[in-house]
């Protein structure tokens, strides 16, 4: 009587086939990540655009004030007054620009936190749904494998 050897290749193939892989969870996670990246990019681009506007305005105002101090004055004391006026105006413009930059940073921070919280919620929901589906699939596959094994 010859001993019958088991076909381990077929057994492994059957076992792997009994546990299907559902790629929808991976696709959903990828979509969630892509959406988050898109929104974060928009926040960064808007912040860069606004910062550029602030810098341009500050530069134009500074150049306008420089023109006033470089013009010829009748009285030498007028040069000192022009420099004093320029320094005063520059301090005020710097304060305004720094406040504007701070507002941009504050807005970016708030939008980033909101996006991260929403993304965390989406990712958590995606993961929960994927785990529930995987558990259901594994249980069904285990039942099928058990039924197949006992039938042989």
Protein backbone atom coordinates (compact mmCIF):
# COMPACT_ATOMS: atom_id res chain seq x y z
CA UNK A 1 0.00 0.00 0.00
CA UNK A 2 1.52 3.33 -1.08
CA UNK A 3 1.30 6.36 1.15
CA UNK A 4 -0.53 9.23 -0.44
CA UNK A 5 1.42 12.49 -0.17
CA UNK A 6 -0.52 15.68 0.23
CA UNK A 7 -0.24 18.36 -2.41
CA UNK A 8 0.86 21.30 -0.25
CA UNK A 9 0.90 23.67 -3.23
CA UNK A 10 -2.79 23.02 -3.92
CA UNK A 11 -3.57 23.24 -0.21
CA UNK A 12 -1.84 26.65 0.07
CA UNK A 13 -3.55 27.87 -3.09
CA UNK A 14 -6.93 26.79 -1.75
CA UNK A 15 -6.23 28.42 1.61
CA UNK A 16 -5.12 31.73 0.04
CA UNK A 17 -8.14 31.69 -2.27
CA UNK A 18 -10.42 31.25 0.71
CA UNK A 19 -9.21 34.55 2.19
CA UNK A 20 -9.86 37.15 -0.51
CA UNK A 21 -8.21 40.56 -0.32
CA UNK A 22 -10.54 43.52 -0.71
CA UNK A 23 -8.70 46.47 -2.23
CA UNK A 24 -11.56 48.95 -1.73
CA UNK A 25 -10.25 49.81 1.73
CA UNK A 26 -6.85 50.67 0.23
CA UNK A 27 -8.51 52.69 -2.54
CA UNK A 28 -10.63 54.58 0.00
CA UNK A 29 -7.55 55.32 2.11
CA UNK A 30 -5.69 56.54 -0.98
CA UNK A 31 -8.61 58.80 -1.95
CA UNK A 32 -8.80 60.20 1.58
CA UNK A 33 -5.04 60.92 1.55
CA UNK A 34 -5.20 62.50 -1.92
CA UNK A 35 -8.11 64.72 -0.86
CA UNK A 36 -6.23 65.81 2.27
CA UNK A 37 -3.11 66.58 0.22
CA UNK A 38 -5.16 68.64 -2.22
CA UNK A 39 -6.77 70.67 0.56
CA UNK A 40 -3.45 71.19 2.36
CA UNK A 41 -1.85 72.34 -0.89
CA UNK A 42 -4.66 74.86 -1.38
CA UNK A 43 -4.12 76.23 2.13
CA UNK A 44 -0.38 76.61 1.46
CA UNK A 45 -0.89 78.26 -1.94
CA UNK A 46 -3.44 80.72 -0.55
CA UNK A 47 -1.10 81.60 2.32
CA UNK A 48 1.82 82.13 -0.08
CA UNK A 49 -0.37 84.31 -2.31
CA UNK A 50 -1.54 86.47 0.60
CA UNK A 51 2.00 86.73 1.99
CA UNK A 52 3.22 87.85 -1.42
CA UNK A 53 0.53 90.56 -1.53
CA UNK A 54 1.57 91.80 1.92
CA UNK A 55 5.26 91.88 0.94
CA UNK A 56 4.52 93.70 -2.32
CA UNK A 57 2.39 96.34 -0.57
CA UNK A 58 5.05 96.85 2.11
CA UNK A 59 7.78 97.22 -0.52
CA UNK A 60 5.78 99.72 -2.59
CA UNK A 61 4.97 101.83 0.47
CA UNK A 62 8.62 101.76 1.56
CA UNK A 63 9.83 102.83 -1.88
CA UNK A 64 7.32 105.69 -1.89
CA UNK A 65 8.71 106.89 1.46
CA UNK A 66 12.31 106.55 0.22
CA UNK A 67 11.47 108.89 -2.66
CA UNK A 68 10.46 111.53 -0.11
CA UNK A 69 13.78 111.38 1.77
CA UNK A 70 15.95 111.40 -1.37
CA UNK A 71 14.50 114.58 -2.83
CA UNK A 72 16.47 117.82 -2.57
CA UNK A 73 15.65 119.93 0.50
CA UNK A 74 16.12 123.69 0.94
CA UNK A 75 17.07 123.57 4.61
CA UNK A 76 19.53 121.01 6.01
CA UNK A 77 17.19 120.46 8.97
CA UNK A 78 14.57 119.20 6.49
CA UNK A 79 16.79 116.16 5.82
CA UNK A 80 16.72 115.24 9.51
CA UNK A 81 12.96 115.70 9.58
CA UNK A 82 12.55 113.57 6.41
CA UNK A 83 14.66 110.78 7.97
CA UNK A 84 12.69 110.98 11.20
CA UNK A 85 9.38 110.84 9.26
CA UNK A 86 10.69 107.90 7.23
CA UNK A 87 11.76 105.98 10.35
CA UNK A 88 8.39 106.65 11.96
CA UNK A 89 6.46 105.58 8.86
CA UNK A 90 8.68 102.51 8.44
CA UNK A 91 8.01 101.42 12.04
CA UNK A 92 4.26 101.78 11.46
CA UNK A 93 4.38 99.92 8.12
CA UNK A 94 6.47 97.15 9.68
CA UNK A 95 3.98 96.75 12.50
CA UNK A 96 1.07 96.57 10.03
CA UNK A 97 2.90 94.05 7.83
CA UNK A 98 3.81 91.85 10.81
CA UNK A 99 0.18 91.91 11.96
CA UNK A 100 -0.97 90.93 8.46
CA UNK A 101 1.59 88.07 8.33
CA UNK A 102 0.41 86.93 11.78
CA UNK A 103 -3.19 86.83 10.50
CA UNK A 104 -2.11 84.69 7.55
CA UNK A 105 -0.25 82.31 9.88
CA UNK A 106 -3.24 82.15 12.24
CA UNK A 107 -5.59 81.35 9.34
CA UNK A 108 -3.23 78.63 8.05
CA UNK A 109 -3.01 77.11 11.53
CA UNK A 110 -6.80 77.09 11.99
CA UNK A 111 -7.44 75.61 8.54
CA UNK A 112 -4.73 72.98 9.04
CA UNK A 113 -6.19 71.89 12.38
CA UNK A 114 -9.68 71.69 10.86
CA UNK A 115 -8.38 69.64 7.92
CA UNK A 116 -6.40 67.28 10.15
CA UNK A 117 -9.40 66.73 12.44
CA UNK A 118 -11.66 66.03 9.46
CA UNK A 119 -9.06 63.75 7.90
CA UNK A 120 -8.61 61.89 11.18
CA UNK A 121 -12.35 61.34 11.35
CA UNK A 122 -12.46 60.16 7.71
CA UNK A 123 -9.49 57.84 8.19
CA UNK A 124 -11.00 56.44 11.39
CA UNK A 125 -14.31 55.80 9.62
CA UNK A 126 -12.51 54.19 6.65
CA UNK A 127 -10.44 51.99 8.96
CA UNK A 128 -13.49 50.96 10.98
CA UNK A 129 -15.43 50.03 7.84
CA UNK A 130 -12.43 48.12 6.47
CA UNK A 131 -11.98 46.18 9.72
CA UNK A 132 -15.68 45.29 9.87
CA UNK A 133 -15.64 44.13 6.24
CA UNK A 134 -12.38 42.19 6.69
CA UNK A 135 -13.73 40.50 9.82
CA UNK A 136 -16.89 39.53 7.99
CA UNK A 137 -14.91 38.26 4.98
CA UNK A 138 -12.50 36.25 7.16
CA UNK A 139 -15.35 34.70 9.12
CA UNK A 140 -17.12 33.73 5.89
CA UNK A 141 -13.88 32.36 4.43
CA UNK A 142 -13.12 30.43 7.62
CA UNK A 143 -16.59 28.88 7.56
CA UNK A 144 -16.11 27.98 3.89
CA UNK A 145 -12.65 26.50 4.55
CA UNK A 146 -13.96 24.53 7.51
CA UNK A 147 -16.90 23.24 5.47
CA UNK A 148 -14.58 22.30 2.62
CA UNK A 149 -12.09 20.57 4.93
CA UNK A 150 -14.75 18.53 6.69
CA UNK A 151 -16.36 17.55 3.40
CA UNK A 152 -13.11 15.95 2.18
